[in-house]
């Protein structure tokens, strides 16, 4: 079975998606790949110096890795971890392609149409360009299970 990809961050929406993704992976006997995308490392004053930008990128990746390791311990079982920096939707879609994902499960913050139009929606962007089916988990899904 091809893997299920689940992007996570510290939001309630991501926790609901993680719960569902873990249940699906177990039910389907599929590998689970947890993904965390750190913000782009271009920062005023730092991005002009390549060495400073590289140090910032390395620090972001190290923090993302520690975060994913903590989340993986909470999930239990065997999971793979992927970190990236940059635009979240683009990196998630790229990782889905790299992993040949069977499915991507991600949370929606439920901001509404206006806020999503102004701020952008990672879940909508992933849904429109992912190479696999996308499950968008609503913010009130925490605590629900498949059974």
C-alpha atoms as a PDB file:
ATOM      1  CA  UNK A   1       0.000   0.000   0.000  1.00  0.00           C
ATOM      2  CA  UNK A   2       1.216   3.490  -0.832  1.00  0.00           C
ATOM      3  CA  UNK A   3       1.604   5.885   2.104  1.00  0.00           C
ATOM      4  CA  UNK A   4      -0.841   8.329   3.614  1.00  0.00           C
ATOM      5  CA  UNK A   5       0.660  11.795   4.015  1.00  0.00           C
ATOM      6  CA  UNK A   6      -0.448  13.987   6.910  1.00  0.00           C
ATOM      7  CA  UNK A   7       0.865  17.548   7.275  1.00  0.00           C
ATOM      8  CA  UNK A   8       0.880  18.693  10.912  1.00  0.00           C
ATOM      9  CA  UNK A   9       1.434  21.852  12.889  1.00  0.00           C
ATOM     10  CA  UNK A  10       0.357  22.974  16.383  1.00  0.00           C
ATOM     11  CA  UNK A  11      -3.250  23.712  15.403  1.00  0.00           C
ATOM     12  CA  UNK A  12      -6.392  21.925  16.544  1.00  0.00           C
ATOM     13  CA  UNK A  13      -7.215  21.344  12.876  1.00  0.00           C
ATOM     14  CA  UNK A  14      -3.956  19.440  12.407  1.00  0.00           C
ATOM     15  CA  UNK A  15      -4.641  17.301  15.490  1.00  0.00           C
ATOM     16  CA  UNK A  16      -8.018  16.256  14.063  1.00  0.00           C
ATOM     17  CA  UNK A  17      -6.407  15.418  10.721  1.00  0.00           C
ATOM     18  CA  UNK A  18      -3.642  13.468  12.450  1.00  0.00           C
ATOM     19  CA  UNK A  19      -6.149  11.403  14.392  1.00  0.00           C
ATOM     20  CA  UNK A  20      -8.033  10.506  11.208  1.00  0.00           C
ATOM     21  CA  UNK A  21      -4.844   9.853   9.210  1.00  0.00           C
ATOM     22  CA  UNK A  22      -3.532   7.497  11.917  1.00  0.00           C
ATOM     23  CA  UNK A  23      -6.832   5.598  12.000  1.00  0.00           C
ATOM     24  CA  UNK A  24      -6.903   5.327   8.202  1.00  0.00           C
ATOM     25  CA  UNK A  25      -3.287   4.154   8.069  1.00  0.00           C
ATOM     26  CA  UNK A  26      -4.008   1.470  10.651  1.00  0.00           C
ATOM     27  CA  UNK A  27      -7.267   0.370   8.983  1.00  0.00           C
ATOM     28  CA  UNK A  28      -5.703   0.227   5.525  1.00  0.00           C
ATOM     29  CA  UNK A  29      -2.355  -1.135   6.723  1.00  0.00           C
ATOM     30  CA  UNK A  30      -0.692   1.802   4.991  1.00  0.00           C
ATOM     31  CA  UNK A  31       2.481   3.630   5.992  1.00  0.00           C
ATOM     32  CA  UNK A  32       1.927   7.041   7.575  1.00  0.00           C
ATOM     33  CA  UNK A  33       4.168   9.971   6.643  1.00  0.00           C
ATOM     34  CA  UNK A  34       4.030  13.016   8.929  1.00  0.00           C
ATOM     35  CA  UNK A  35       5.046  16.311   7.336  1.00  0.00           C
ATOM     36  CA  UNK A  36       5.891  19.670   8.873  1.00  0.00           C
ATOM     37  CA  UNK A  37       6.634  22.658   6.681  1.00  0.00           C
ATOM     38  CA  UNK A  38       8.570  25.452   8.368  1.00  0.00           C
ATOM     39  CA  UNK A  39       8.232  29.007   7.113  1.00  0.00           C
ATOM     40  CA  UNK A  40      10.488  30.258   4.328  1.00  0.00           C
ATOM     41  CA  UNK A  41      13.915  31.236   5.588  1.00  0.00           C
ATOM     42  CA  UNK A  42      14.200  34.488   3.687  1.00  0.00           C
ATOM     43  CA  UNK A  43      14.296  37.142   6.408  1.00  0.00           C
ATOM     44  CA  UNK A  44      15.196  40.816   6.134  1.00  0.00           C
ATOM     45  CA  UNK A  45      18.872  41.314   6.867  1.00  0.00           C
ATOM     46  CA  UNK A  46      19.596  37.598   6.978  1.00  0.00           C
ATOM     47  CA  UNK A  47      18.622  36.528   3.491  1.00  0.00           C
ATOM     48  CA  UNK A  48      21.246  38.867   2.036  1.00  0.00           C
ATOM     49  CA  UNK A  49      23.987  36.834   3.725  1.00  0.00           C
ATOM     50  CA  UNK A  50      23.978  33.260   2.361  1.00  0.00           C
ATOM     51  CA  UNK A  51      25.650  31.845   5.479  1.00  0.00           C
ATOM     52  CA  UNK A  52      23.068  33.506   7.745  1.00  0.00           C
ATOM     53  CA  UNK A  53      20.217  32.266   5.596  1.00  0.00           C
ATOM     54  CA  UNK A  54      21.617  28.719   5.653  1.00  0.00           C
ATOM     55  CA  UNK A  55      21.946  28.801   9.459  1.00  0.00           C
ATOM     56  CA  UNK A  56      18.350  30.000   9.759  1.00  0.00           C
ATOM     57  CA  UNK A  57      17.180  27.229   7.394  1.00  0.00           C
ATOM     58  CA  UNK A  58      19.093  24.590   9.378  1.00  0.00           C
ATOM     59  CA  UNK A  59      17.565  25.870  12.643  1.00  0.00           C
ATOM     60  CA  UNK A  60      14.042  25.788  11.151  1.00  0.00           C
ATOM     61  CA  UNK A  61      14.563  22.218   9.890  1.00  0.00           C
ATOM     62  CA  UNK A  62      15.969  21.099  13.275  1.00  0.00           C
ATOM     63  CA  UNK A  63      12.963  22.612  15.082  1.00  0.00           C
ATOM     64  CA  UNK A  64      10.591  20.973  12.590  1.00  0.00           C
ATOM     65  CA  UNK A  65      12.289  17.604  13.102  1.00  0.00           C
ATOM     66  CA  UNK A  66      11.978  17.869  16.900  1.00  0.00           C
ATOM     67  CA  UNK A  67       8.332  18.816  16.553  1.00  0.00           C
ATOM     68  CA  UNK A  68       7.635  15.828  14.278  1.00  0.00           C
ATOM     69  CA  UNK A  69       9.463  13.450  16.618  1.00  0.00           C
ATOM     70  CA  UNK A  70       7.234  14.616  19.490  1.00  0.00           C
ATOM     71  CA  UNK A  71       4.101  14.188  17.374  1.00  0.00           C
ATOM     72  CA  UNK A  72       5.254  10.742  16.215  1.00  0.00           C
ATOM     73  CA  UNK A  73       5.676   9.616  19.845  1.00  0.00           C
ATOM     74  CA  UNK A  74       2.101  10.724  20.541  1.00  0.00           C
ATOM     75  CA  UNK A  75       0.807   8.771  17.535  1.00  0.00           C
ATOM     76  CA  UNK A  76       2.838   5.666  18.329  1.00  0.00           C
ATOM     77  CA  UNK A  77       3.661   2.975  15.835  1.00  0.00           C
ATOM     78  CA  UNK A  78       5.892   3.281  12.831  1.00  0.00           C
ATOM     79  CA  UNK A  79       5.706   6.589  11.014  1.00  0.00           C
ATOM     80  CA  UNK A  80       8.023   8.354   8.614  1.00  0.00           C
ATOM     81  CA  UNK A  81       8.912  11.999   9.105  1.00  0.00           C
ATOM     82  CA  UNK A  82       9.451  14.654   6.415  1.00  0.00           C
ATOM     83  CA  UNK A  83      10.421  18.272   6.987  1.00  0.00           C
ATOM     84  CA  UNK A  84      10.619  21.119   4.529  1.00  0.00           C
ATOM     85  CA  UNK A  85      10.778  24.883   4.398  1.00  0.00           C
ATOM     86  CA  UNK A  86       8.873  27.187   2.107  1.00  0.00           C
ATOM     87  CA  UNK A  87       5.318  27.694   0.959  1.00  0.00           C
ATOM     88  CA  UNK A  88       3.295  25.017   2.800  1.00  0.00           C
ATOM     89  CA  UNK A  89       0.935  24.006  -0.007  1.00  0.00           C
ATOM     90  CA  UNK A  90       3.735  23.729  -2.562  1.00  0.00           C
ATOM     91  CA  UNK A  91       5.940  21.649  -0.257  1.00  0.00           C
ATOM     92  CA  UNK A  92       3.046  19.355   0.762  1.00  0.00           C
ATOM     93  CA  UNK A  93       2.172  18.656  -2.875  1.00  0.00           C
ATOM     94  CA  UNK A  94       5.858  18.054  -3.658  1.00  0.00           C
ATOM     95  CA  UNK A  95       6.156  15.568  -0.776  1.00  0.00           C
ATOM     96  CA  UNK A  96       2.978  13.784  -1.909  1.00  0.00           C
ATOM     97  CA  UNK A  97       4.610  13.327  -5.318  1.00  0.00           C
ATOM     98  CA  UNK A  98       7.944  12.225  -3.814  1.00  0.00           C
ATOM     99  CA  UNK A  99       6.222   9.687  -1.570  1.00  0.00           C
ATOM    100  CA  UNK A 100       3.802   8.506  -4.283  1.00  0.00           C
ATOM    101  CA  UNK A 101       1.061   9.087  -1.706  1.00  0.00           C
ATOM    102  CA  UNK A 102      -2.211   7.238  -1.941  1.00  0.00           C
ATOM    103  CA  UNK A 103      -3.924   9.970   0.070  1.00  0.00           C
ATOM    104  CA  UNK A 104      -3.196  13.229   1.883  1.00  0.00           C
ATOM    105  CA  UNK A 105      -5.136  14.085   5.042  1.00  0.00           C
ATOM    106  CA  UNK A 106      -4.945  17.631   6.325  1.00  0.00           C
ATOM    107  CA  UNK A 107      -6.873  19.930   8.578  1.00  0.00           C
ATOM    108  CA  UNK A 108      -8.805  23.028   7.734  1.00  0.00           C
ATOM    109  CA  UNK A 109      -8.786  25.919  10.171  1.00  0.00           C
ATOM    110  CA  UNK A 110     -12.352  26.795   9.204  1.00  0.00           C
ATOM    111  CA  UNK A 111     -11.633  30.479   8.720  1.00  0.00           C
ATOM    112  CA  UNK A 112     -14.532  31.021   6.341  1.00  0.00           C
ATOM    113  CA  UNK A 113     -14.607  32.226   2.776  1.00  0.00           C
ATOM    114  CA  UNK A 114     -13.506  35.826   3.359  1.00  0.00           C
ATOM    115  CA  UNK A 115     -10.535  35.006   5.593  1.00  0.00           C
ATOM    116  CA  UNK A 116      -9.469  32.191   3.270  1.00  0.00           C
ATOM    117  CA  UNK A 117      -9.641  34.555   0.311  1.00  0.00           C
ATOM    118  CA  UNK A 118      -7.533  37.150   2.126  1.00  0.00           C
ATOM    119  CA  UNK A 119      -5.089  34.842   3.914  1.00  0.00           C
ATOM    120  CA  UNK A 120      -5.084  31.915   1.534  1.00  0.00           C
ATOM    121  CA  UNK A 121      -6.028  28.356   2.318  1.00  0.00           C
ATOM    122  CA  UNK A 122      -3.376  25.658   2.399  1.00  0.00           C
ATOM    123  CA  UNK A 123      -6.009  22.915   2.318  1.00  0.00           C
ATOM    124  CA  UNK A 124      -7.696  24.397  -0.777  1.00  0.00           C
ATOM    125  CA  UNK A 125      -4.356  24.884  -2.534  1.00  0.00           C
ATOM    126  CA  UNK A 126      -3.326  21.291  -1.803  1.00  0.00           C
ATOM    127  CA  UNK A 127      -6.719  19.971  -2.907  1.00  0.00           C
ATOM    128  CA  UNK A 128      -6.425  21.779  -6.227  1.00  0.00           C
ATOM    129  CA  UNK A 129      -2.972  20.449  -7.125  1.00  0.00           C
ATOM    130  CA  UNK A 130      -2.253  17.247  -5.175  1.00  0.00           C
ATOM    131  CA  UNK A 131      -1.396  14.161  -7.232  1.00  0.00           C
ATOM    132  CA  UNK A 132      -3.657  12.023  -5.022  1.00  0.00           C
ATOM    133  CA  UNK A 133      -7.040  12.218  -3.283  1.00  0.00           C
ATOM    134  CA  UNK A 134      -7.249  14.799  -0.496  1.00  0.00           C
ATOM    135  CA  UNK A 135      -9.231  14.523   2.732  1.00  0.00           C
ATOM    136  CA  UNK A 136      -9.811  17.878   4.423  1.00  0.00           C
ATOM    137  CA  UNK A 137     -10.733  17.449   8.074  1.00  0.00           C
ATOM    138  CA  UNK A 138     -12.929  20.181   9.583  1.00  0.00           C
ATOM    139  CA  UNK A 139     -11.809  21.871  12.809  1.00  0.00           C
ATOM    140  CA  UNK A 140     -14.573  20.279  14.897  1.00  0.00           C
ATOM    141  CA  UNK A 141     -13.507  16.706  14.032  1.00  0.00           C
ATOM    142  CA  UNK A 142     -11.247  16.222  17.095  1.00  0.00           C
ATOM    143  CA  UNK A 143     -12.382  13.269  19.158  1.00  0.00           C
ATOM    144  CA  UNK A 144     -14.462  11.646  16.431  1.00  0.00           C
ATOM    145  CA  UNK A 145     -13.357   8.266  15.157  1.00  0.00           C
ATOM    146  CA  UNK A 146     -14.006   6.154  12.095  1.00  0.00           C
ATOM    147  CA  UNK A 147     -16.052   3.614  14.006  1.00  0.00           C
END
